[in-house]
C-alpha atoms as a PDB file:
ATOM      1  CA  UNK A   1     -58.800  -5.054  27.186  1.00  0.00           C
ATOM      2  CA  UNK A   2     -56.036  -5.393  24.608  1.00  0.00           C
ATOM      3  CA  UNK A   3     -53.052  -7.491  25.589  1.00  0.00           C
ATOM      4  CA  UNK A   4     -49.819  -7.538  23.592  1.00  0.00           C
ATOM      5  CA  UNK A   5     -47.879 -10.806  23.645  1.00  0.00           C
ATOM      6  CA  UNK A   6     -44.116 -10.641  23.141  1.00  0.00           C
ATOM      7  CA  UNK A   7     -41.634 -13.501  22.963  1.00  0.00           C
ATOM      8  CA  UNK A   8     -38.051 -14.281  22.005  1.00  0.00           C
ATOM      9  CA  UNK A   9     -36.591 -10.799  22.341  1.00  0.00           C
ATOM     10  CA  UNK A  10     -33.067 -12.308  22.611  1.00  0.00           C
ATOM     11  CA  UNK A  11     -31.465  -8.991  23.682  1.00  0.00           C
ATOM     12  CA  UNK A  12     -32.780  -7.036  20.686  1.00  0.00           C
ATOM     13  CA  UNK A  13     -33.784  -3.943  22.662  1.00  0.00           C
ATOM     14  CA  UNK A  14     -34.257  -1.899  19.482  1.00  0.00           C
ATOM     15  CA  UNK A  15     -36.898  -4.284  18.109  1.00  0.00           C
ATOM     16  CA  UNK A  16     -38.459  -4.603  21.562  1.00  0.00           C
ATOM     17  CA  UNK A  17     -38.903  -0.856  21.874  1.00  0.00           C
ATOM     18  CA  UNK A  18     -40.357  -0.654  18.354  1.00  0.00           C
ATOM     19  CA  UNK A  19     -42.830  -3.471  19.061  1.00  0.00           C
ATOM     20  CA  UNK A  20     -43.912  -1.906  22.355  1.00  0.00           C
ATOM     21  CA  UNK A  21     -44.464   1.436  20.656  1.00  0.00           C
ATOM     22  CA  UNK A  22     -46.538  -0.189  17.909  1.00  0.00           C
ATOM     23  CA  UNK A  23     -48.566  -2.195  20.425  1.00  0.00           C
ATOM     24  CA  UNK A  24     -49.341   0.843  22.577  1.00  0.00           C
ATOM     25  CA  UNK A  25     -50.272   2.821  19.458  1.00  0.00           C
ATOM     26  CA  UNK A  26     -52.747   0.034  18.693  1.00  0.00           C
ATOM     27  CA  UNK A  27     -54.239   0.265  22.172  1.00  0.00           C
ATOM     28  CA  UNK A  28     -52.414  -2.406  24.154  1.00  0.00           C
ATOM     29  CA  UNK A  29     -53.134  -1.940  27.845  1.00  0.00           C
ATOM     30  CA  UNK A  30     -51.094  -4.843  29.139  1.00  0.00           C
ATOM     31  CA  UNK A  31     -48.096  -6.909  28.033  1.00  0.00           C
ATOM     32  CA  UNK A  32     -47.473 -10.620  28.351  1.00  0.00           C
ATOM     33  CA  UNK A  33     -43.816 -11.601  27.923  1.00  0.00           C
ATOM     34  CA  UNK A  34     -43.286 -15.265  27.052  1.00  0.00           C
ATOM     35  CA  UNK A  35     -39.593 -15.575  27.846  1.00  0.00           C
ATOM     36  CA  UNK A  36     -36.164 -15.466  26.273  1.00  0.00           C
ATOM     37  CA  UNK A  37     -35.667 -11.766  26.989  1.00  0.00           C
ATOM     38  CA  UNK A  38     -31.896 -11.974  26.784  1.00  0.00           C
ATOM     39  CA  UNK A  39     -29.795 -14.141  24.559  1.00  0.00           C
ATOM     40  CA  UNK A  40     -27.561 -14.063  21.537  1.00  0.00           C
ATOM     41  CA  UNK A  41     -27.439 -10.363  20.727  1.00  0.00           C
ATOM     42  CA  UNK A  42     -25.058  -7.845  22.230  1.00  0.00           C
ATOM     43  CA  UNK A  43     -27.230  -5.786  24.572  1.00  0.00           C
ATOM     44  CA  UNK A  44     -28.791  -7.829  27.376  1.00  0.00           C
ATOM     45  CA  UNK A  45     -28.437  -4.985  29.892  1.00  0.00           C
ATOM     46  CA  UNK A  46     -30.135  -2.449  27.603  1.00  0.00           C
ATOM     47  CA  UNK A  47     -32.889  -4.969  26.949  1.00  0.00           C
ATOM     48  CA  UNK A  48     -33.542  -5.475  30.656  1.00  0.00           C
ATOM     49  CA  UNK A  49     -33.538  -1.691  31.165  1.00  0.00           C
ATOM     50  CA  UNK A  50     -36.187  -1.390  28.427  1.00  0.00           C
ATOM     51  CA  UNK A  51     -38.291  -4.087  30.075  1.00  0.00           C
ATOM     52  CA  UNK A  52     -38.052  -2.309  33.441  1.00  0.00           C
ATOM     53  CA  UNK A  53     -39.179   0.970  31.850  1.00  0.00           C
ATOM     54  CA  UNK A  54     -42.101  -0.773  30.152  1.00  0.00           C
ATOM     55  CA  UNK A  55     -43.109  -2.417  33.451  1.00  0.00           C
ATOM     56  CA  UNK A  56     -43.170   0.999  35.159  1.00  0.00           C
ATOM     57  CA  UNK A  57     -45.697   2.340  32.627  1.00  0.00           C
ATOM     58  CA  UNK A  58     -47.824  -0.634  31.669  1.00  0.00           C
ATOM     59  CA  UNK A  59     -49.002  -3.743  33.564  1.00  0.00           C
ATOM     60  CA  UNK A  60     -46.879  -6.737  32.562  1.00  0.00           C
ATOM     61  CA  UNK A  61     -46.793 -10.465  33.206  1.00  0.00           C
ATOM     62  CA  UNK A  62     -43.632 -12.502  32.676  1.00  0.00           C
ATOM     63  CA  UNK A  63     -43.058 -16.156  31.929  1.00  0.00           C
ATOM     64  CA  UNK A  64     -39.539 -17.485  32.244  1.00  0.00           C
ATOM     65  CA  UNK A  65     -38.099 -19.057  29.107  1.00  0.00           C
ATOM     66  CA  UNK A  66     -35.258 -21.483  28.595  1.00  0.00           C
ATOM     67  CA  UNK A  67     -32.733 -18.616  28.309  1.00  0.00           C
ATOM     68  CA  UNK A  68     -33.749 -17.310  31.723  1.00  0.00           C
ATOM     69  CA  UNK A  69     -33.500 -20.824  33.143  1.00  0.00           C
ATOM     70  CA  UNK A  70     -29.997 -21.130  31.713  1.00  0.00           C
ATOM     71  CA  UNK A  71     -28.754 -17.833  33.186  1.00  0.00           C
ATOM     72  CA  UNK A  72     -30.359 -18.464  36.583  1.00  0.00           C
ATOM     73  CA  UNK A  73     -28.889 -21.968  36.733  1.00  0.00           C
ATOM     74  CA  UNK A  74     -25.482 -20.683  35.616  1.00  0.00           C
ATOM     75  CA  UNK A  75     -25.560 -17.985  38.278  1.00  0.00           C
ATOM     76  CA  UNK A  76     -26.380 -20.636  40.874  1.00  0.00           C
ATOM     77  CA  UNK A  77     -23.369 -22.746  39.824  1.00  0.00           C
ATOM     78  CA  UNK A  78     -25.228 -25.536  38.053  1.00  0.00           C
ATOM     79  CA  UNK A  79     -22.988 -25.428  34.967  1.00  0.00           C
ATOM     80  CA  UNK A  80     -19.603 -24.974  36.693  1.00  0.00           C
ATOM     81  CA  UNK A  81     -17.545 -22.903  34.250  1.00  0.00           C
END
């Protein structure tokens, strides 16, 4: 089984989609995401939509990165803006 490993997407949905296409063309049957899906770039929502579409087609495993920890903690009031 071929597993594609992706990390540090940082909201770059265009690069994510290109990498997924290349990986599937090379026979990837599963994806392992190592975190930091959203971040500094301008399209976090489009990035998460891409990840959801990928997950519908291909088995995926997800590890939460420090960016996810930040946003979850912020949402839960840890950083008090």
